[in-house]
Amino acid sequence: GEYLELYNSGSNTVDLSWWLLKVG
C-alpha cells in the first residue's frame, strides 16, 4: 500500500497531534 514517512532529526520528542497533512 501507499505510505508516507516522517523523520524527527532533532533531540526532542514532537507532539504531532492534529497536525495537517496536505497532498495536492
PDB file of all heavy atoms in Angstrom:
ATOM      1  N   GLY A   1       0.796  -1.215   0.000  1.00  0.00           N
ATOM      2  CA  GLY A   1       0.000   0.000   0.000  1.00  0.00           C
ATOM      3  C   GLY A   1       0.830   1.266   0.000  1.00  0.00           C
ATOM      4  O   GLY A   1       2.050   1.245   0.153  1.00  0.00           O
ATOM      5  N   GLU A   2       0.169   2.385  -0.194  1.00  0.00           N
ATOM      6  CA  GLU A   2       0.838   3.681  -0.202  1.00  0.00           C
ATOM      7  C   GLU A   2       1.142   4.125   1.231  1.00  0.00           C
ATOM      8  O   GLU A   2       0.379   3.840   2.149  1.00  0.00           O
ATOM      9  CB  GLU A   2      -0.037   4.729  -0.887  1.00  0.00           C
ATOM     10  CG  GLU A   2      -0.306   4.433  -2.356  1.00  0.00           C
ATOM     11  CD  GLU A   2      -1.187   5.481  -3.011  1.00  0.00           C
ATOM     12  OE1 GLU A   2      -1.704   6.366  -2.293  1.00  0.00           O
ATOM     13  OE2 GLU A   2      -1.366   5.408  -4.242  1.00  0.00           O
ATOM     14  N   TYR A   3       2.264   4.811   1.396  1.00  0.00           N
ATOM     15  CA  TYR A   3       2.577   5.362   2.706  1.00  0.00           C
ATOM     16  C   TYR A   3       3.520   6.553   2.557  1.00  0.00           C
ATOM     17  O   TYR A   3       4.164   6.750   1.521  1.00  0.00           O
ATOM     18  CB  TYR A   3       3.186   4.310   3.638  1.00  0.00           C
ATOM     19  CG  TYR A   3       4.554   3.788   3.240  1.00  0.00           C
ATOM     20  CD1 TYR A   3       5.708   4.508   3.547  1.00  0.00           C
ATOM     21  CD2 TYR A   3       4.702   2.586   2.580  1.00  0.00           C
ATOM     22  CE1 TYR A   3       6.971   4.025   3.199  1.00  0.00           C
ATOM     23  CE2 TYR A   3       5.944   2.100   2.219  1.00  0.00           C
ATOM     24  CZ  TYR A   3       7.074   2.829   2.539  1.00  0.00           C
ATOM     25  OH  TYR A   3       8.320   2.367   2.188  1.00  0.00           O
ATOM     26  N   LEU A   4       3.585   7.311   3.624  1.00  0.00           N
ATOM     27  CA  LEU A   4       4.460   8.469   3.733  1.00  0.00           C
ATOM     28  C   LEU A   4       5.187   8.364   5.061  1.00  0.00           C
ATOM     29  O   LEU A   4       4.590   7.982   6.067  1.00  0.00           O
ATOM     30  CB  LEU A   4       3.616   9.752   3.692  1.00  0.00           C
ATOM     31  CG  LEU A   4       4.319  11.095   3.820  1.00  0.00           C
ATOM     32  CD1 LEU A   4       5.129  11.391   2.564  1.00  0.00           C
ATOM     33  CD2 LEU A   4       3.290  12.202   4.027  1.00  0.00           C
ATOM     34  N   GLU A   5       6.480   8.676   5.071  1.00  0.00           N
ATOM     35  CA  GLU A   5       7.256   8.590   6.313  1.00  0.00           C
ATOM     36  C   GLU A   5       7.762   9.973   6.712  1.00  0.00           C
ATOM     37  O   GLU A   5       8.255  10.727   5.873  1.00  0.00           O
ATOM     38  CB  GLU A   5       8.433   7.645   6.118  1.00  0.00           C
ATOM     39  CG  GLU A   5       9.294   7.458   7.370  1.00  0.00           C
ATOM     40  CD  GLU A   5      10.542   6.649   7.057  1.00  0.00           C
ATOM     41  OE1 GLU A   5      11.543   7.257   6.605  1.00  0.00           O
ATOM     42  OE2 GLU A   5      10.509   5.424   7.257  1.00  0.00           O
ATOM     43  N   LEU A   6       7.637  10.279   8.003  1.00  0.00           N
ATOM     44  CA  LEU A   6       8.206  11.496   8.582  1.00  0.00           C
ATOM     45  C   LEU A   6       9.339  11.095   9.515  1.00  0.00           C
ATOM     46  O   LEU A   6       9.251  10.081  10.209  1.00  0.00           O
ATOM     47  CB  LEU A   6       7.146  12.279   9.367  1.00  0.00           C
ATOM     48  CG  LEU A   6       5.876  12.669   8.631  1.00  0.00           C
ATOM     49  CD1 LEU A   6       4.955  13.474   9.552  1.00  0.00           C
ATOM     50  CD2 LEU A   6       6.182  13.473   7.377  1.00  0.00           C
ATOM     51  N   TYR A   7      10.393  11.917   9.560  1.00  0.00           N
ATOM     52  CA  TYR A   7      11.551  11.621  10.405  1.00  0.00           C
ATOM     53  C   TYR A   7      11.832  12.821  11.300  1.00  0.00           C
ATOM     54  O   TYR A   7      11.792  13.976  10.857  1.00  0.00           O
ATOM     55  CB  TYR A   7      12.768  11.325   9.534  1.00  0.00           C
ATOM     56  CG  TYR A   7      14.053  11.115  10.320  1.00  0.00           C
ATOM     57  CD1 TYR A   7      14.234   9.973  11.090  1.00  0.00           C
ATOM     58  CD2 TYR A   7      15.073  12.062  10.293  1.00  0.00           C
ATOM     59  CE1 TYR A   7      15.397   9.778  11.810  1.00  0.00           C
ATOM     60  CE2 TYR A   7      16.245  11.880  11.009  1.00  0.00           C
ATOM     61  CZ  TYR A   7      16.406  10.736  11.764  1.00  0.00           C
ATOM     62  OH  TYR A   7      17.551  10.555  12.485  1.00  0.00           O
ATOM     63  N   ASN A   8      12.131  12.547  12.570  1.00  0.00           N
ATOM     64  CA  ASN A   8      12.475  13.591  13.528  1.00  0.00           C
ATOM     65  C   ASN A   8      13.991  13.604  13.713  1.00  0.00           C
ATOM     66  O   ASN A   8      14.543  12.746  14.396  1.00  0.00           O
ATOM     67  CB  ASN A   8      11.768  13.345  14.862  1.00  0.00           C
ATOM     68  CG  ASN A   8      12.102  14.398  15.910  1.00  0.00           C
ATOM     69  OD1 ASN A   8      12.781  15.387  15.628  1.00  0.00           O
ATOM     70  ND2 ASN A   8      11.621  14.183  17.128  1.00  0.00           N
ATOM     71  N   SER A   9      14.654  14.574  13.118  1.00  0.00           N
ATOM     72  CA  SER A   9      16.112  14.662  13.202  1.00  0.00           C
ATOM     73  C   SER A   9      16.583  15.427  14.432  1.00  0.00           C
ATOM     74  O   SER A   9      17.788  15.582  14.644  1.00  0.00           O
ATOM     75  CB  SER A   9      16.663  15.352  11.943  1.00  0.00           C
ATOM     76  OG  SER A   9      16.181  16.688  11.854  1.00  0.00           O
ATOM     77  N   GLY A  10      15.654  15.897  15.251  1.00  0.00           N
ATOM     78  CA  GLY A  10      16.016  16.680  16.426  1.00  0.00           C
ATOM     79  C   GLY A  10      16.281  15.836  17.653  1.00  0.00           C
ATOM     80  O   GLY A  10      16.324  14.603  17.594  1.00  0.00           O
ATOM     81  N   SER A  11      16.454  16.495  18.791  1.00  0.00           N
ATOM     82  CA  SER A  11      16.777  15.814  20.045  1.00  0.00           C
ATOM     83  C   SER A  11      15.604  15.772  21.017  1.00  0.00           C
ATOM     84  O   SER A  11      15.745  15.301  22.140  1.00  0.00           O
ATOM     85  CB  SER A  11      17.968  16.513  20.722  1.00  0.00           C
ATOM     86  OG  SER A  11      17.692  17.893  20.925  1.00  0.00           O
ATOM     87  N   ASN A  12      14.436  16.264  20.586  1.00  0.00           N
ATOM     88  CA  ASN A  12      13.264  16.283  21.449  1.00  0.00           C
ATOM     89  C   ASN A  12      12.090  15.587  20.774  1.00  0.00           C
ATOM     90  O   ASN A  12      11.941  15.626  19.549  1.00  0.00           O
ATOM     91  CB  ASN A  12      12.850  17.723  21.783  1.00  0.00           C
ATOM     92  CG  ASN A  12      13.910  18.465  22.567  1.00  0.00           C
ATOM     93  OD1 ASN A  12      14.375  17.989  23.595  1.00  0.00           O
ATOM     94  ND2 ASN A  12      14.300  19.626  22.076  1.00  0.00           N
ATOM     95  N   THR A  13      11.240  14.971  21.598  1.00  0.00           N
ATOM     96  CA  THR A  13      10.015  14.367  21.079  1.00  0.00           C
ATOM     97  C   THR A  13       9.078  15.471  20.607  1.00  0.00           C
ATOM     98  O   THR A  13       8.954  16.513  21.240  1.00  0.00           O
ATOM     99  CB  THR A  13       9.337  13.529  22.175  1.00  0.00           C
ATOM    100  OG1 THR A  13      10.208  12.452  22.543  1.00  0.00           O
ATOM    101  CG2 THR A  13       8.022  12.955  21.688  1.00  0.00           C
ATOM    102  N   VAL A  14       8.418  15.242  19.470  1.00  0.00           N
ATOM    103  CA  VAL A  14       7.490  16.215  18.904  1.00  0.00           C
ATOM    104  C   VAL A  14       6.075  15.650  18.956  1.00  0.00           C
ATOM    105  O   VAL A  14       5.834  14.507  18.562  1.00  0.00           O
ATOM    106  CB  VAL A  14       7.869  16.555  17.444  1.00  0.00           C
ATOM    107  CG1 VAL A  14       6.896  17.583  16.871  1.00  0.00           C
ATOM    108  CG2 VAL A  14       9.298  17.080  17.373  1.00  0.00           C
ATOM    109  N   ASP A  15       5.150  16.437  19.460  1.00  0.00           N
ATOM    110  CA  ASP A  15       3.738  16.051  19.501  1.00  0.00           C
ATOM    111  C   ASP A  15       3.091  16.484  18.189  1.00  0.00           C
ATOM    112  O   ASP A  15       2.983  17.666  17.900  1.00  0.00           O
ATOM    113  CB  ASP A  15       3.062  16.738  20.686  1.00  0.00           C
ATOM    114  CG  ASP A  15       1.607  16.310  20.876  1.00  0.00           C
ATOM    115  OD1 ASP A  15       1.085  15.588  20.005  1.00  0.00           O
ATOM    116  OD2 ASP A  15       0.999  16.718  21.876  1.00  0.00           O
ATOM    117  N   LEU A  16       2.657  15.504  17.382  1.00  0.00           N
ATOM    118  CA  LEU A  16       2.065  15.777  16.079  1.00  0.00           C
ATOM    119  C   LEU A  16       0.536  15.731  16.113  1.00  0.00           C
ATOM    120  O   LEU A  16      -0.110  15.685  15.065  1.00  0.00           O
ATOM    121  CB  LEU A  16       2.572  14.776  15.029  1.00  0.00           C
ATOM    122  CG  LEU A  16       3.928  15.053  14.392  1.00  0.00           C
ATOM    123  CD1 LEU A  16       5.056  14.963  15.404  1.00  0.00           C
ATOM    124  CD2 LEU A  16       4.212  14.080  13.255  1.00  0.00           C
ATOM    125  N   SER A  17      -0.048  15.765  17.304  1.00  0.00           N
ATOM    126  CA  SER A  17      -1.498  15.714  17.410  1.00  0.00           C
ATOM    127  C   SER A  17      -2.153  16.827  16.595  1.00  0.00           C
ATOM    128  O   SER A  17      -1.811  18.000  16.749  1.00  0.00           O
ATOM    129  CB  SER A  17      -1.919  15.859  18.876  1.00  0.00           C
ATOM    130  OG  SER A  17      -1.406  14.813  19.667  1.00  0.00           O
ATOM    131  N   TRP A  18      -3.056  16.425  15.721  1.00  0.00           N
ATOM    132  CA  TRP A  18      -3.858  17.338  14.902  1.00  0.00           C
ATOM    133  C   TRP A  18      -3.044  18.114  13.867  1.00  0.00           C
ATOM    134  O   TRP A  18      -3.531  19.084  13.300  1.00  0.00           O
ATOM    135  CB  TRP A  18      -4.670  18.298  15.771  1.00  0.00           C
ATOM    136  CG  TRP A  18      -5.524  17.593  16.765  1.00  0.00           C
ATOM    137  CD1 TRP A  18      -5.433  17.663  18.130  1.00  0.00           C
ATOM    138  CD2 TRP A  18      -6.584  16.675  16.473  1.00  0.00           C
ATOM    139  NE1 TRP A  18      -6.349  16.851  18.716  1.00  0.00           N
ATOM    140  CE2 TRP A  18      -7.082  16.217  17.723  1.00  0.00           C
ATOM    141  CE3 TRP A  18      -7.151  16.176  15.312  1.00  0.00           C
ATOM    142  CZ2 TRP A  18      -8.124  15.309  17.820  1.00  0.00           C
ATOM    143  CZ3 TRP A  18      -8.183  15.255  15.411  1.00  0.00           C
ATOM    144  CH2 TRP A  18      -8.661  14.844  16.661  1.00  0.00           C
ATOM    145  N   TRP A  19      -1.809  17.701  13.636  1.00  0.00           N
ATOM    146  CA  TRP A  19      -1.066  18.313  12.529  1.00  0.00           C
ATOM    147  C   TRP A  19      -1.791  18.023  11.218  1.00  0.00           C
ATOM    148  O   TRP A  19      -2.480  17.006  11.070  1.00  0.00           O
ATOM    149  CB  TRP A  19       0.358  17.761  12.471  1.00  0.00           C
ATOM    150  CG  TRP A  19       1.291  18.410  13.454  1.00  0.00           C
ATOM    151  CD1 TRP A  19       0.976  18.915  14.680  1.00  0.00           C
ATOM    152  CD2 TRP A  19       2.697  18.584  13.301  1.00  0.00           C
ATOM    153  NE1 TRP A  19       2.095  19.392  15.303  1.00  0.00           N
ATOM    154  CE2 TRP A  19       3.174  19.203  14.475  1.00  0.00           C
ATOM    155  CE3 TRP A  19       3.610  18.262  12.304  1.00  0.00           C
ATOM    156  CZ2 TRP A  19       4.509  19.524  14.664  1.00  0.00           C
ATOM    157  CZ3 TRP A  19       4.944  18.573  12.482  1.00  0.00           C
ATOM    158  CH2 TRP A  19       5.392  19.206  13.649  1.00  0.00           C
ATOM    159  N   LEU A  20      -1.642  18.932  10.267  1.00  0.00           N
ATOM    160  CA  LEU A  20      -2.340  18.838   8.984  1.00  0.00           C
ATOM    161  C   LEU A  20      -1.400  18.329   7.901  1.00  0.00           C
ATOM    162  O   LEU A  20      -0.300  18.861   7.715  1.00  0.00           O
ATOM    163  CB  LEU A  20      -2.896  20.203   8.580  1.00  0.00           C
ATOM    164  CG  LEU A  20      -3.639  20.266   7.236  1.00  0.00           C
ATOM    165  CD1 LEU A  20      -4.946  19.476   7.315  1.00  0.00           C
ATOM    166  CD2 LEU A  20      -3.921  21.722   6.845  1.00  0.00           C
ATOM    167  N   LEU A  21      -1.836  17.301   7.202  1.00  0.00           N
ATOM    168  CA  LEU A  21      -1.121  16.775   6.040  1.00  0.00           C
ATOM    169  C   LEU A  21      -1.936  17.108   4.806  1.00  0.00           C
ATOM    170  O   LEU A  21      -3.126  16.778   4.727  1.00  0.00           O
ATOM    171  CB  LEU A  21      -0.951  15.255   6.169  1.00  0.00           C
ATOM    172  CG  LEU A  21      -0.535  14.494   4.904  1.00  0.00           C
ATOM    173  CD1 LEU A  21       0.853  14.908   4.439  1.00  0.00           C
ATOM    174  CD2 LEU A  21      -0.606  12.983   5.138  1.00  0.00           C
ATOM    175  N   LYS A  22      -1.298  17.764   3.841  1.00  0.00           N
ATOM    176  CA  LYS A  22      -1.967  18.077   2.576  1.00  0.00           C
ATOM    177  C   LYS A  22      -1.219  17.380   1.446  1.00  0.00           C
ATOM    178  O   LYS A  22       0.002  17.479   1.346  1.00  0.00           O
ATOM    179  CB  LYS A  22      -1.993  19.587   2.340  1.00  0.00           C
ATOM    180  CG  LYS A  22      -2.826  20.374   3.334  1.00  0.00           C
ATOM    181  CD  LYS A  22      -2.913  21.861   2.969  1.00  0.00           C
ATOM    182  CE  LYS A  22      -3.692  22.067   1.691  1.00  0.00           C
ATOM    183  NZ  LYS A  22      -3.850  23.511   1.368  1.00  0.00           N
ATOM    184  N   VAL A  23      -1.964  16.694   0.598  1.00  0.00           N
ATOM    185  CA  VAL A  23      -1.417  16.060  -0.602  1.00  0.00           C
ATOM    186  C   VAL A  23      -2.240  16.562  -1.773  1.00  0.00           C
ATOM    187  O   VAL A  23      -3.390  16.153  -1.959  1.00  0.00           O
ATOM    188  CB  VAL A  23      -1.474  14.527  -0.531  1.00  0.00           C
ATOM    189  CG1 VAL A  23      -0.855  13.928  -1.796  1.00  0.00           C
ATOM    190  CG2 VAL A  23      -0.765  14.012   0.703  1.00  0.00           C
ATOM    191  N   GLY A  24      -1.652  17.491  -2.538  1.00  0.00           N
ATOM    192  CA  GLY A  24      -2.419  18.130  -3.600  1.00  0.00           C
ATOM    193  C   GLY A  24      -3.597  18.882  -3.019  1.00  0.00           C
ATOM    194  O   GLY A  24      -3.435  19.737  -2.147  1.00  0.00           O
TER     195      GLY A  24
END
